[in-house]
Amino acid sequence: MEIKPWLKKRKWDVLTVVIIGLMFIPSVRMVVVSNMQRLFAGAPSEISVAEQKTVNSMDWVLLDLEGKTHNMSAAHGKIIVVNLWATWCPPCVAEMPSLQKLYAKYGDRVAFYFVSNEKVEVLNRFLTVKKYNFPVYIPGSEYPKEFNSNSLPTTYVIDPNGKIMMEEVGAHDWFSASFQKRLDEMLKS
């Protein structure tokens, strides 16, 4: 039996076995899973107007990684992006490059809140290794009830009037052309 024709015929089977095999190596698992999820991440979509909820209280105390207190109410009247995430979460890690690009482009015009319940040391190490510079916070008070999600990542896009226009669970491509177009439209109005 010749190996080349056999491999050519079964290349997808071999690739699947290799990917599954890599999943058993703890140090490689996160990279494999997050890259697979990034590959299949789609653009976020808007909630229908009838189903949009308003955030009743923007009074949410957050602590930055230096321990300074911030309040989401300071962003009232702006477009707000809230991303609930964790460093150990493959879908969170998968969507981070697109969120970093989004922050780099819109950070001066949109209020970004990347919120995690992890320790400051863990978050700082992750941000340093990945070279991310978006603002990360730890909750200092109860989450607004409208942000009640049991899944990570969950991302909310809130219009200047406090309406949740997008609520996405799982990895998404936040730097997609369609989302940037929608964000530009919101910024113009």
N, C-alpha and C. Protein backbone atom coordinates (compact mmCIF):
# COMPACT_ATOMS: atom_id res chain seq x y z
N MET A 1 0.84 -1.18 0.00
CA MET A 1 0.00 0.00 0.00
C MET A 1 0.89 1.25 0.00
N GLU A 2 0.62 2.15 -0.93
CA GLU A 2 1.36 3.40 -1.00
C GLU A 2 0.72 4.42 -0.06
N ILE A 3 1.57 5.15 0.63
CA ILE A 3 1.09 6.09 1.64
C ILE A 3 0.49 7.36 1.05
N LYS A 4 1.06 7.90 -0.05
CA LYS A 4 0.58 9.15 -0.63
C LYS A 4 -0.87 9.06 -1.11
N PRO A 5 -1.24 8.06 -1.90
CA PRO A 5 -2.64 7.99 -2.33
C PRO A 5 -3.59 7.78 -1.14
N TRP A 6 -3.13 7.00 -0.16
CA TRP A 6 -3.97 6.76 1.02
C TRP A 6 -4.19 8.05 1.79
N LEU A 7 -3.12 8.85 1.99
CA LEU A 7 -3.24 10.13 2.70
C LEU A 7 -4.09 11.12 1.93
N LYS A 8 -3.91 11.15 0.62
CA LYS A 8 -4.69 12.08 -0.20
C LYS A 8 -6.18 11.76 -0.10
N LYS A 9 -6.50 10.50 -0.08
CA LYS A 9 -7.89 10.05 -0.02
C LYS A 9 -8.50 10.33 1.36
N ARG A 10 -7.68 10.29 2.39
CA ARG A 10 -8.19 10.40 3.76
C ARG A 10 -7.66 11.64 4.50
N LYS A 11 -7.31 12.70 3.75
CA LYS A 11 -6.71 13.88 4.38
C LYS A 11 -7.62 14.52 5.43
N TRP A 12 -8.92 14.55 5.20
CA TRP A 12 -9.84 15.16 6.16
C TRP A 12 -9.98 14.28 7.40
N ASP A 13 -9.94 13.00 7.23
CA ASP A 13 -9.97 12.09 8.38
C ASP A 13 -8.73 12.27 9.24
N VAL A 14 -7.59 12.35 8.59
CA VAL A 14 -6.32 12.53 9.31
C VAL A 14 -6.32 13.88 10.03
N LEU A 15 -6.77 14.94 9.36
CA LEU A 15 -6.82 16.26 9.98
C LEU A 15 -7.74 16.25 11.21
N THR A 16 -8.88 15.61 11.09
CA THR A 16 -9.82 15.51 12.22
C THR A 16 -9.18 14.79 13.40
N VAL A 17 -8.51 13.69 13.13
CA VAL A 17 -7.84 12.93 14.20
C VAL A 17 -6.74 13.78 14.85
N VAL A 18 -5.99 14.53 14.06
CA VAL A 18 -4.94 15.38 14.60
C VAL A 18 -5.54 16.47 15.50
N ILE A 19 -6.60 17.10 15.04
CA ILE A 19 -7.25 18.16 15.84
C ILE A 19 -7.79 17.58 17.14
N ILE A 20 -8.46 16.46 17.07
CA ILE A 20 -8.98 15.82 18.28
C ILE A 20 -7.82 15.42 19.20
N GLY A 21 -6.75 14.92 18.64
CA GLY A 21 -5.58 14.55 19.43
C GLY A 21 -4.98 15.75 20.15
N LEU A 22 -4.93 16.90 19.47
CA LEU A 22 -4.39 18.10 20.09
C LEU A 22 -5.25 18.57 21.27
N MET A 23 -6.52 18.22 21.25
CA MET A 23 -7.43 18.60 22.34
C MET A 23 -7.04 17.94 23.66
N PHE A 24 -6.28 16.88 23.61
CA PHE A 24 -5.87 16.19 24.83
C PHE A 24 -4.58 16.76 25.43
N ILE A 25 -4.00 17.73 24.77
CA ILE A 25 -2.80 18.39 25.29
C ILE A 25 -3.25 19.71 25.91
N PRO A 26 -3.27 19.79 27.24
CA PRO A 26 -3.82 20.98 27.90
C PRO A 26 -3.24 22.31 27.42
N SER A 27 -1.94 22.38 27.19
CA SER A 27 -1.34 23.65 26.79
C SER A 27 -1.71 24.08 25.37
N VAL A 28 -2.24 23.18 24.58
CA VAL A 28 -2.60 23.46 23.19
C VAL A 28 -4.11 23.60 23.02
N ARG A 29 -4.86 23.03 23.94
CA ARG A 29 -6.34 22.98 23.82
C ARG A 29 -6.96 24.35 23.59
N MET A 30 -6.60 25.35 24.42
CA MET A 30 -7.20 26.68 24.30
C MET A 30 -6.93 27.27 22.92
N VAL A 31 -5.73 27.12 22.42
CA VAL A 31 -5.37 27.67 21.11
C VAL A 31 -6.21 27.01 20.01
N VAL A 32 -6.32 25.70 20.05
CA VAL A 32 -7.06 24.97 19.03
C VAL A 32 -8.54 25.35 19.07
N VAL A 33 -9.14 25.31 20.26
CA VAL A 33 -10.57 25.59 20.39
C VAL A 33 -10.88 27.03 20.00
N SER A 34 -10.10 27.99 20.50
CA SER A 34 -10.41 29.39 20.19
C SER A 34 -10.22 29.69 18.70
N ASN A 35 -9.21 29.09 18.07
CA ASN A 35 -9.02 29.31 16.64
C ASN A 35 -10.14 28.68 15.82
N MET A 36 -10.62 27.54 16.24
CA MET A 36 -11.75 26.91 15.54
C MET A 36 -13.00 27.79 15.67
N GLN A 37 -13.23 28.32 16.86
CA GLN A 37 -14.40 29.17 17.06
C GLN A 37 -14.27 30.48 16.30
N ARG A 38 -13.07 31.03 16.26
CA ARG A 38 -12.84 32.27 15.49
C ARG A 38 -13.14 32.04 14.02
N LEU A 39 -12.79 30.85 13.53
CA LEU A 39 -13.01 30.50 12.14
C LEU A 39 -14.49 30.53 11.78
N PHE A 40 -15.34 30.12 12.72
CA PHE A 40 -16.77 30.02 12.45
C PHE A 40 -17.59 31.17 13.04
N ALA A 41 -16.94 32.17 13.64
CA ALA A 41 -17.65 33.29 14.26
C ALA A 41 -18.30 34.16 13.18
N GLY A 42 -19.55 34.46 13.38
CA GLY A 42 -20.27 35.32 12.45
C GLY A 42 -20.40 36.72 13.00
N ALA A 43 -20.96 37.59 12.21
CA ALA A 43 -21.19 38.98 12.63
C ALA A 43 -22.36 39.03 13.61
N PRO A 44 -22.33 39.96 14.54
CA PRO A 44 -23.46 40.10 15.47
C PRO A 44 -24.68 40.64 14.73
N SER A 45 -25.85 40.40 15.31
CA SER A 45 -27.08 40.88 14.69
C SER A 45 -27.90 41.67 15.70
N GLU A 46 -28.70 42.57 15.17
CA GLU A 46 -29.49 43.47 16.00
C GLU A 46 -30.77 42.78 16.47
N ILE A 47 -31.18 43.11 17.69
CA ILE A 47 -32.44 42.61 18.24
C ILE A 47 -33.57 43.40 17.59
N SER A 48 -34.69 42.75 17.33
CA SER A 48 -35.82 43.49 16.76
C SER A 48 -36.27 44.57 17.74
N VAL A 49 -36.75 45.68 17.23
CA VAL A 49 -37.13 46.82 18.06
C VAL A 49 -38.13 46.41 19.13
N ALA A 50 -39.06 45.54 18.79
CA ALA A 50 -40.08 45.10 19.75
C ALA A 50 -39.49 44.34 20.93
N GLU A 51 -38.33 43.70 20.73
CA GLU A 51 -37.73 42.89 21.79
C GLU A 51 -36.60 43.60 22.53
N GLN A 52 -36.26 44.81 22.13
CA GLN A 52 -35.18 45.54 22.80
C GLN A 52 -35.62 45.97 24.20
N LYS A 53 -34.71 45.75 25.17
CA LYS A 53 -34.96 46.16 26.56
C LYS A 53 -34.14 47.42 26.84
N THR A 54 -34.62 48.19 27.79
CA THR A 54 -33.88 49.36 28.24
C THR A 54 -33.19 49.02 29.55
N VAL A 55 -31.94 49.43 29.67
CA VAL A 55 -31.22 49.24 30.93
C VAL A 55 -31.79 50.26 31.91
N ASN A 56 -32.47 49.76 32.94
CA ASN A 56 -33.16 50.64 33.88
C ASN A 56 -32.22 51.44 34.75
N SER A 57 -31.09 50.86 35.11
CA SER A 57 -30.12 51.58 35.94
C SER A 57 -28.73 51.44 35.35
N MET A 58 -28.19 52.56 34.94
CA MET A 58 -26.82 52.57 34.42
C MET A 58 -25.82 52.72 35.57
N ASP A 59 -26.33 52.75 36.79
CA ASP A 59 -25.50 52.93 37.97
C ASP A 59 -24.84 51.60 38.33
N TRP A 60 -23.74 51.29 37.65
CA TRP A 60 -23.02 50.04 37.87
C TRP A 60 -21.58 50.39 38.20
N VAL A 61 -21.18 50.08 39.41
CA VAL A 61 -19.83 50.38 39.88
C VAL A 61 -18.89 49.30 39.38
N LEU A 62 -17.79 49.75 38.78
CA LEU A 62 -16.76 48.84 38.25
C LEU A 62 -15.39 49.29 38.74
N LEU A 63 -14.51 48.34 38.95
CA LEU A 63 -13.15 48.64 39.36
C LEU A 63 -12.20 48.32 38.22
N ASP A 64 -11.35 49.27 37.85
CA ASP A 64 -10.36 48.97 36.81
C ASP A 64 -9.24 48.13 37.43
N LEU A 65 -8.28 47.73 36.63
CA LEU A 65 -7.23 46.83 37.11
C LEU A 65 -6.21 47.52 38.02
N GLU A 66 -6.34 48.82 38.18
CA GLU A 66 -5.50 49.56 39.14
C GLU A 66 -6.26 49.84 40.43
N GLY A 67 -7.52 49.37 40.49
CA GLY A 67 -8.32 49.55 41.70
C GLY A 67 -9.14 50.82 41.74
N LYS A 68 -9.11 51.61 40.67
CA LYS A 68 -9.89 52.85 40.63
C LYS A 68 -11.35 52.53 40.33
N THR A 69 -12.24 53.28 40.95
CA THR A 69 -13.67 53.08 40.80
C THR A 69 -14.19 53.87 39.60
N HIS A 70 -15.04 53.19 38.82
CA HIS A 70 -15.70 53.82 37.66
C HIS A 70 -17.19 53.48 37.76
N ASN A 71 -17.99 54.25 37.08
CA ASN A 71 -19.42 53.96 37.06
C ASN A 71 -19.89 54.03 35.61
N MET A 72 -20.63 53.01 35.20
CA MET A 72 -21.11 52.97 33.81
C MET A 72 -22.03 54.15 33.51
N SER A 73 -22.63 54.76 34.54
CA SER A 73 -23.52 55.90 34.31
C SER A 73 -22.77 57.06 33.67
N ALA A 74 -21.44 57.09 33.79
CA ALA A 74 -20.64 58.15 33.15
C ALA A 74 -20.73 58.09 31.63
N ALA A 75 -21.11 56.94 31.10
CA ALA A 75 -21.22 56.77 29.64
C ALA A 75 -22.63 57.04 29.13
N HIS A 76 -23.53 57.48 30.00
CA HIS A 76 -24.91 57.75 29.56
C HIS A 76 -24.89 58.74 28.40
N GLY A 77 -25.66 58.44 27.37
CA GLY A 77 -25.71 59.28 26.18
C GLY A 77 -24.74 58.86 25.10
N LYS A 78 -23.92 57.85 25.39
CA LYS A 78 -22.98 57.32 24.40
C LYS A 78 -23.41 55.91 24.01
N ILE A 79 -22.86 55.43 22.92
CA ILE A 79 -23.02 54.01 22.58
C ILE A 79 -22.09 53.25 23.52
N ILE A 80 -22.60 52.17 24.07
CA ILE A 80 -21.84 51.39 25.05
C ILE A 80 -21.73 49.95 24.57
N VAL A 81 -20.53 49.38 24.68
CA VAL A 81 -20.31 47.96 24.42
C VAL A 81 -19.86 47.33 25.74
N VAL A 82 -20.65 46.37 26.22
CA VAL A 82 -20.32 45.65 27.45
C VAL A 82 -20.03 44.20 27.06
N ASN A 83 -18.83 43.74 27.40
CA ASN A 83 -18.44 42.36 27.09
C ASN A 83 -18.13 41.64 28.40
N LEU A 84 -18.91 40.61 28.70
CA LEU A 84 -18.70 39.78 29.89
C LEU A 84 -17.88 38.59 29.45
N TRP A 85 -16.70 38.39 30.04
CA TRP A 85 -15.75 37.41 29.52
C TRP A 85 -14.87 36.84 30.62
N ALA A 86 -14.04 35.86 30.24
CA ALA A 86 -13.04 35.28 31.14
C ALA A 86 -11.85 34.79 30.32
N THR A 87 -10.68 34.76 30.93
CA THR A 87 -9.47 34.33 30.22
C THR A 87 -9.47 32.83 29.94
N TRP A 88 -10.21 32.05 30.71
CA TRP A 88 -10.24 30.59 30.56
C TRP A 88 -11.30 30.13 29.56
N CYS A 89 -12.04 31.06 28.99
CA CYS A 89 -13.19 30.76 28.13
C CYS A 89 -12.78 30.80 26.65
N PRO A 90 -12.72 29.63 25.96
CA PRO A 90 -12.30 29.62 24.55
C PRO A 90 -13.10 30.56 23.63
N PRO A 91 -14.44 30.63 23.72
CA PRO A 91 -15.14 31.57 22.84
C PRO A 91 -14.78 33.03 23.14
N CYS A 92 -14.51 33.33 24.43
CA CYS A 92 -14.10 34.69 24.80
C CYS A 92 -12.77 35.03 24.14
N VAL A 93 -11.83 34.10 24.25
CA VAL A 93 -10.50 34.30 23.66
C VAL A 93 -10.61 34.39 22.14
N ALA A 94 -11.52 33.63 21.57
CA ALA A 94 -11.70 33.63 20.11
C ALA A 94 -12.14 34.98 19.58
N GLU A 95 -13.02 35.68 20.30
CA GLU A 95 -13.54 36.95 19.78
C GLU A 95 -12.70 38.16 20.19
N MET A 96 -11.75 37.98 21.08
CA MET A 96 -10.95 39.10 21.57
C MET A 96 -10.19 39.86 20.47
N PRO A 97 -9.56 39.20 19.49
CA PRO A 97 -8.87 39.99 18.45
C PRO A 97 -9.81 40.96 17.73
N SER A 98 -11.03 40.53 17.45
CA SER A 98 -11.96 41.43 16.76
C SER A 98 -12.41 42.56 17.68
N LEU A 99 -12.55 42.28 18.97
CA LEU A 99 -12.92 43.33 19.91
C LEU A 99 -11.77 44.32 20.12
N GLN A 100 -10.54 43.84 20.11
CA GLN A 100 -9.39 44.73 20.22
C GLN A 100 -9.34 45.68 19.02
N LYS A 101 -9.56 45.15 17.82
CA LYS A 101 -9.58 46.00 16.62
C LYS A 101 -10.70 47.03 16.70
N LEU A 102 -11.87 46.58 17.19
CA LEU A 102 -13.01 47.49 17.34
C LEU A 102 -12.68 48.61 18.32
N TYR A 103 -12.09 48.24 19.45
CA TYR A 103 -11.69 49.23 20.45
C TYR A 103 -10.66 50.21 19.87
N ALA A 104 -9.69 49.69 19.13
CA ALA A 104 -8.66 50.55 18.54
C ALA A 104 -9.28 51.57 17.58
N LYS A 105 -10.31 51.18 16.88
CA LYS A 105 -10.94 52.07 15.90
C LYS A 105 -11.97 53.02 16.52
N TYR A 106 -12.74 52.53 17.51
CA TYR A 106 -13.87 53.30 18.03
C TYR A 106 -13.74 53.70 19.50
N GLY A 107 -12.63 53.38 20.13
CA GLY A 107 -12.47 53.61 21.57
C GLY A 107 -12.66 55.04 22.03
N ASP A 108 -12.44 56.00 21.13
CA ASP A 108 -12.62 57.40 21.52
C ASP A 108 -14.05 57.88 21.33
N ARG A 109 -14.90 57.07 20.67
CA ARG A 109 -16.28 57.49 20.40
C ARG A 109 -17.33 56.56 21.01
N VAL A 110 -16.91 55.39 21.46
CA VAL A 110 -17.81 54.39 22.04
C VAL A 110 -17.25 54.02 23.41
N ALA A 111 -18.14 53.85 24.39
CA ALA A 111 -17.70 53.44 25.74
C ALA A 111 -17.61 51.92 25.79
N PHE A 112 -16.44 51.41 26.08
CA PHE A 112 -16.21 49.96 26.15
C PHE A 112 -16.03 49.54 27.60
N TYR A 113 -16.71 48.46 27.97
CA TYR A 113 -16.58 47.87 29.30
C TYR A 113 -16.37 46.36 29.13
N PHE A 114 -15.13 45.92 29.32
CA PHE A 114 -14.80 44.50 29.29
C PHE A 114 -14.78 44.05 30.74
N VAL A 115 -15.74 43.22 31.13
CA VAL A 115 -15.95 42.90 32.54
C VAL A 115 -15.69 41.42 32.80
N SER A 116 -14.84 41.16 33.80
CA SER A 116 -14.48 39.80 34.17
C SER A 116 -14.48 39.69 35.69
N ASN A 117 -14.77 38.50 36.20
CA ASN A 117 -14.76 38.25 37.64
C ASN A 117 -13.43 37.65 38.11
N GLU A 118 -12.43 37.65 37.25
CA GLU A 118 -11.17 37.01 37.59
C GLU A 118 -10.26 37.94 38.41
N LYS A 119 -9.19 37.37 38.92
CA LYS A 119 -8.23 38.14 39.71
C LYS A 119 -7.45 39.09 38.80
N VAL A 120 -7.07 40.22 39.36
CA VAL A 120 -6.35 41.26 38.63
C VAL A 120 -5.06 40.70 38.02
N GLU A 121 -4.33 39.87 38.76
CA GLU A 121 -3.07 39.31 38.25
C GLU A 121 -3.30 38.47 37.00
N VAL A 122 -4.35 37.67 37.01
CA VAL A 122 -4.68 36.80 35.87
C VAL A 122 -5.02 37.66 34.65
N LEU A 123 -5.83 38.68 34.87
CA LEU A 123 -6.24 39.56 33.77
C LEU A 123 -5.06 40.33 33.21
N ASN A 124 -4.23 40.89 34.09
CA ASN A 124 -3.04 41.63 33.62
C ASN A 124 -2.10 40.75 32.82
N ARG A 125 -1.89 39.53 33.28
CA ARG A 125 -1.00 38.60 32.56
C ARG A 125 -1.58 38.31 31.16
N PHE A 126 -2.88 38.04 31.08
CA PHE A 126 -3.54 37.76 29.80
C PHE A 126 -3.40 38.95 28.85
N LEU A 127 -3.70 40.15 29.34
CA LEU A 127 -3.63 41.35 28.50
C LEU A 127 -2.20 41.61 28.01
N THR A 128 -1.23 41.36 28.86
CA THR A 128 0.17 41.56 28.48
C THR A 128 0.60 40.57 27.40
N VAL A 129 0.29 39.30 27.62
CA VAL A 129 0.68 38.27 26.66
C VAL A 129 0.02 38.51 25.30
N LYS A 130 -1.24 38.85 25.32
CA LYS A 130 -1.99 39.06 24.07
C LYS A 130 -1.80 40.45 23.47
N LYS A 131 -1.19 41.36 24.23
CA LYS A 131 -0.96 42.74 23.79
C LYS A 131 -2.27 43.49 23.52
N TYR A 132 -3.25 43.28 24.43
CA TYR A 132 -4.52 43.99 24.34
C TYR A 132 -4.46 45.22 25.23
N ASN A 133 -5.09 46.30 24.79
CA ASN A 133 -5.09 47.52 25.60
C ASN A 133 -6.48 48.06 25.88
N PHE A 134 -7.51 47.26 25.67
CA PHE A 134 -8.86 47.72 25.98
C PHE A 134 -9.07 47.74 27.50
N PRO A 135 -10.04 48.54 27.97
CA PRO A 135 -10.24 48.69 29.41
C PRO A 135 -10.98 47.48 30.01
N VAL A 136 -10.37 46.90 31.03
CA VAL A 136 -10.96 45.73 31.69
C VAL A 136 -11.36 46.13 33.11
N TYR A 137 -12.52 45.65 33.51
CA TYR A 137 -13.07 45.99 34.83
C TYR A 137 -13.51 44.74 35.57
N ILE A 138 -13.57 44.90 36.87
CA ILE A 138 -14.11 43.87 37.76
C ILE A 138 -15.35 44.49 38.40
N PRO A 139 -16.46 43.75 38.49
CA PRO A 139 -17.67 44.33 39.09
C PRO A 139 -17.43 44.78 40.54
N GLY A 140 -17.89 45.98 40.84
CA GLY A 140 -17.80 46.50 42.20
C GLY A 140 -19.17 46.56 42.84
N SER A 141 -20.20 46.27 42.06
CA SER A 141 -21.58 46.21 42.55
C SER A 141 -22.33 45.18 41.70
N GLU A 142 -23.57 44.95 42.06
CA GLU A 142 -24.38 43.99 41.31
C GLU A 142 -24.53 44.41 39.85
N TYR A 143 -24.55 43.41 38.97
CA TYR A 143 -24.78 43.65 37.55
C TYR A 143 -26.18 44.24 37.36
N PRO A 144 -26.37 45.12 36.38
CA PRO A 144 -27.73 45.52 36.05
C PRO A 144 -28.53 44.27 35.68
N LYS A 145 -29.76 44.18 36.11
CA LYS A 145 -30.56 42.96 35.90
C LYS A 145 -30.70 42.60 34.42
N GLU A 146 -30.59 43.58 33.54
CA GLU A 146 -30.69 43.31 32.10
C GLU A 146 -29.47 42.56 31.57
N PHE A 147 -28.40 42.53 32.33
CA PHE A 147 -27.18 41.82 31.93
C PHE A 147 -27.12 40.43 32.57
N ASN A 148 -28.25 39.89 32.88
CA ASN A 148 -28.32 38.58 33.54
C ASN A 148 -28.08 37.48 32.51
N SER A 149 -26.84 37.00 32.44
CA SER A 149 -26.48 35.95 31.50
C SER A 149 -25.69 34.89 32.23
N ASN A 150 -25.96 33.65 31.91
CA ASN A 150 -25.22 32.53 32.49
C ASN A 150 -24.16 32.01 31.55
N SER A 151 -23.92 32.71 30.44
CA SER A 151 -22.99 32.24 29.43
C SER A 151 -21.90 33.28 29.18
N LEU A 152 -20.73 32.78 28.87
CA LEU A 152 -19.60 33.63 28.48
C LEU A 152 -19.14 33.23 27.10
N PRO A 153 -18.76 34.15 26.29
CA PRO A 153 -18.94 35.58 26.47
C PRO A 153 -20.37 35.99 26.16
N THR A 154 -20.79 37.06 26.77
CA THR A 154 -22.04 37.74 26.40
C THR A 154 -21.68 39.20 26.17
N THR A 155 -22.11 39.72 25.04
CA THR A 155 -21.79 41.10 24.68
C THR A 155 -23.09 41.85 24.41
N TYR A 156 -23.16 43.04 24.98
CA TYR A 156 -24.32 43.92 24.81
C TYR A 156 -23.88 45.19 24.11
N VAL A 157 -24.68 45.64 23.16
CA VAL A 157 -24.46 46.94 22.54
C VAL A 157 -25.67 47.78 22.91
N ILE A 158 -25.40 48.91 23.55
CA ILE A 158 -26.46 49.75 24.10
C ILE A 158 -26.43 51.09 23.38
N ASP A 159 -27.60 51.55 22.94
CA ASP A 159 -27.66 52.83 22.23
C ASP A 159 -27.60 53.99 23.23
N PRO A 160 -27.47 55.24 22.77
CA PRO A 160 -27.35 56.38 23.69
C PRO A 160 -28.54 56.58 24.62
N ASN A 161 -29.69 55.98 24.28
CA ASN A 161 -30.87 56.10 25.13
C ASN A 161 -30.99 54.95 26.14
N GLY A 162 -30.01 54.05 26.16
CA GLY A 162 -30.03 52.96 27.12
C GLY A 162 -30.71 51.69 26.65
N LYS A 163 -31.09 51.64 25.36
CA LYS A 163 -31.72 50.43 24.82
C LYS A 163 -30.66 49.43 24.40
N ILE A 164 -30.88 48.16 24.75
CA ILE A 164 -29.97 47.09 24.34
C ILE A 164 -30.34 46.71 22.91
N MET A 165 -29.49 47.10 21.97
CA MET A 165 -29.74 46.85 20.56
C MET A 165 -29.22 45.49 20.12
N MET A 166 -28.19 45.01 20.80
CA MET A 166 -27.60 43.71 20.49
C MET A 166 -27.27 43.00 21.79
N GLU A 167 -27.55 41.72 21.80
CA GLU A 167 -27.18 40.86 22.92
C GLU A 167 -26.73 39.55 22.31
N GLU A 168 -25.43 39.33 22.31
CA GLU A 168 -24.87 38.15 21.65
C GLU A 168 -24.13 37.28 22.66
N VAL A 169 -24.42 35.98 22.59
CA VAL A 169 -23.75 34.99 23.42
C VAL A 169 -22.85 34.17 22.50
N GLY A 170 -21.62 33.93 22.96
CA GLY A 170 -20.68 33.17 22.14
C GLY A 170 -19.79 34.08 21.33
N ALA A 171 -18.85 33.46 20.63
CA ALA A 171 -17.87 34.21 19.84
C ALA A 171 -18.50 34.81 18.59
N HIS A 172 -18.20 36.08 18.35
CA HIS A 172 -18.67 36.78 17.16
C HIS A 172 -17.53 37.61 16.58
N ASP A 173 -17.70 37.98 15.33
CA ASP A 173 -16.72 38.84 14.67
C ASP A 173 -17.19 40.28 14.83
N TRP A 174 -16.72 40.94 15.88
CA TRP A 174 -17.16 42.30 16.18
C TRP A 174 -16.52 43.34 15.27
N PHE A 175 -15.55 42.95 14.49
CA PHE A 175 -14.93 43.89 13.55
C PHE A 175 -15.43 43.64 12.12
N SER A 176 -16.54 42.94 12.00
CA SER A 176 -17.10 42.66 10.68
C SER A 176 -17.53 43.97 10.01
N ALA A 177 -17.54 43.97 8.71
CA ALA A 177 -17.95 45.16 7.95
C ALA A 177 -19.38 45.56 8.28
N SER A 178 -20.26 44.57 8.45
CA SER A 178 -21.67 44.88 8.74
C SER A 178 -21.84 45.54 10.11
N PHE A 179 -21.08 45.08 11.12
CA PHE A 179 -21.21 45.70 12.44
C PHE A 179 -20.59 47.10 12.44
N GLN A 180 -19.47 47.27 11.77
CA GLN A 180 -18.87 48.60 11.68
C GLN A 180 -19.80 49.58 10.97
N LYS A 181 -20.47 49.11 9.94
CA LYS A 181 -21.42 49.97 9.21
C LYS A 181 -22.54 50.40 10.15
N ARG A 182 -23.06 49.45 10.93
CA ARG A 182 -24.16 49.77 11.86
C ARG A 182 -23.67 50.73 12.94
N LEU A 183 -22.48 50.51 13.44
CA LEU A 183 -21.92 51.39 14.47
C LEU A 183 -21.73 52.80 13.91
N ASP A 184 -21.23 52.90 12.69
CA ASP A 184 -21.07 54.21 12.05
C ASP A 184 -22.41 54.93 11.90
N GLU A 185 -23.45 54.17 11.53
CA GLU A 185 -24.80 54.76 11.41
C GLU A 185 -25.28 55.29 12.76
N MET A 186 -25.06 54.51 13.81
CA MET A 186 -25.48 54.92 15.15
C MET A 186 -24.72 56.16 15.60
N LEU A 187 -23.45 56.26 15.26
CA LEU A 187 -22.64 57.40 15.67
C LEU A 187 -23.05 58.68 14.93
N LYS A 188 -23.56 58.55 13.72
CA LYS A 188 -23.98 59.71 12.94
C LYS A 188 -25.29 60.30 13.46
N SER A 189 -26.15 59.42 14.00
CA SER A 189 -27.47 59.92 14.42
C SER A 189 -27.49 60.48 15.81
